[in-house]
Protein backbone atom coordinates (compact mmCIF):
# COMPACT_ATOMS: atom_id res chain seq x y z
CA MET A 1 24.19 11.23 15.90
CA LYS A 2 24.54 7.58 16.75
CA GLY A 3 21.32 5.63 15.80
CA GLN A 4 19.64 7.51 13.13
CA SER A 5 21.03 11.40 11.70
CA ILE A 6 18.92 14.64 12.43
CA ASN A 7 16.82 15.15 9.40
CA GLU A 8 15.66 11.20 11.08
CA PHE A 9 15.16 12.50 13.93
CA ILE A 10 13.38 15.82 13.35
CA ASP A 11 11.28 14.18 10.68
CA ASP A 12 9.89 11.72 13.38
CA LEU A 13 9.20 14.24 15.09
CA ILE A 14 7.30 16.28 12.69
CA SER A 15 5.68 13.48 10.95
CA MET A 16 4.57 10.44 13.31
CA GLY A 17 3.23 13.18 15.53
CA GLY A 18 5.78 13.03 18.25
CA PRO A 19 6.97 9.42 18.45
CA GLU A 20 8.84 8.33 22.27
CA LYS A 21 12.82 8.81 22.00
CA GLU A 22 14.80 7.88 24.50
CA PHE A 23 18.41 8.85 23.61
CA VAL A 24 21.63 9.91 25.82
CA PHE A 25 24.44 13.58 25.37
CA ARG A 26 26.61 13.52 27.66
CA ASN A 27 25.64 11.91 31.33
CA ARG A 28 22.18 12.26 30.56
CA PHE A 29 19.73 10.18 29.39
CA PHE A 30 16.73 11.98 27.30
CA PHE A 31 13.13 10.45 26.73
CA LEU A 32 10.74 13.23 24.00
CA GLU A 33 7.61 12.39 23.89
CA THR A 34 4.39 14.11 22.17
CA MET A 35 1.08 14.39 24.43
CA PHE A 36 -2.05 16.01 23.84
CA ARG A 37 -3.10 18.22 26.93
CA ASP A 38 -7.36 18.32 27.12
CA GLU A 39 -6.82 21.22 29.69
CA LYS A 40 -5.26 23.63 28.30
CA ASP A 41 -6.74 22.20 23.97
CA MET A 42 -2.95 22.26 23.22
CA LEU A 43 0.46 19.47 22.65
CA GLU A 44 2.89 19.80 24.67
CA LEU A 45 6.53 18.23 23.17
CA TYR A 46 8.18 17.63 26.87
CA LEU A 47 12.00 16.48 26.94
CA ASP A 48 12.42 15.12 31.00
CA GLU A 49 16.59 15.21 31.32
CA TYR A 50 18.16 12.52 33.75
CA ASP A 51 20.98 11.95 35.52
CA ASN A 52 23.36 8.93 33.66
CA THR A 53 25.95 8.91 35.64
CA ASN A 54 25.42 5.56 36.90
CA PRO A 55 22.57 4.05 34.84
CA LYS A 56 21.21 1.82 36.75
CA GLU A 57 20.14 4.59 38.79
CA LYS A 58 19.11 8.21 36.96
CA VAL A 59 17.76 10.48 38.82
CA PHE A 60 15.48 13.02 37.21
CA VAL A 61 17.12 16.67 36.48
CA ALA A 62 13.70 18.75 34.51
CA ARG A 63 11.31 18.79 32.45
CA HIS A 64 12.21 21.35 29.39
CA SER A 65 7.51 21.31 28.30
CA PHE A 66 7.36 23.26 24.30
CA TRP A 67 3.88 23.47 24.39
CA GLY A 68 1.65 24.34 20.87
CA LYS A 69 -1.13 23.62 18.66
CA THR A 70 0.12 21.67 16.31
CA ASN A 71 3.21 19.08 16.40
CA LEU A 72 5.18 21.48 13.98
CA GLU A 73 4.77 24.00 15.98
CA CYS A 74 6.15 21.93 19.20
CA VAL A 75 9.46 21.07 17.66
CA ASN A 76 10.18 24.30 15.86
CA GLN A 77 10.75 25.17 19.92
CA PHE A 78 12.68 22.64 20.68
CA GLU A 79 14.34 23.29 17.90
CA GLN A 80 15.16 27.15 18.79
CA ALA A 81 16.01 25.03 23.03
CA LYS A 82 19.06 25.65 24.48
CA VAL A 83 19.10 22.86 27.08
CA PHE A 84 22.13 20.86 25.81
CA ASP A 85 23.83 21.82 28.23
CA GLY A 86 23.67 25.59 26.14
CA LEU A 87 23.08 23.53 22.82
CA THR A 88 20.58 23.58 20.79
CA ILE A 89 19.62 19.58 19.16
CA TYR A 90 22.05 20.71 16.07
CA GLY A 91 24.48 21.62 18.73
CA ALA A 92 24.44 18.80 20.30
CA GLU A 93 23.60 16.04 17.62
CA PRO A 94 27.45 14.70 17.59
CA GLU A 95 26.85 14.28 21.00
CA ILE A 96 23.97 12.45 20.55
CA GLU A 97 23.03 7.86 20.35
CA VAL A 98 19.94 7.75 20.04
CA LEU A 99 18.51 4.72 21.96
CA PHE A 100 14.85 4.42 20.90
CA GLY A 101 11.99 5.74 18.50
C-alpha cells in the first residue's frame, strides 16, 4: 500500500470513527466513509467505486455497504469483503495507493 500502511489504514477506520479515505486500486477509484443512519439506528461504512480509466470522467460503478452498531463491526465486515476483483483489502493492499485520509 502506498501512502500509508495497511495497519494505519485499518486503525484509522476503527479508532477515528471511519474518517473519509480516497484511494485507487487498478483502474478504479474508491471513496470510503462512515455515516450514522438515523432511520436504521446503525452505522454504515460505505465504499463507493468508480471506473478511473479516465480520471477526469470517473464513472460510478457500485456502492458497497457494511452495517453495524459500532465502527468495529463495520470494519470487520469490510475486511472480509472481496470487493477488489475478488480480493479482500489485504489481498489488494500491495496495489492500493491512498490519495487522502
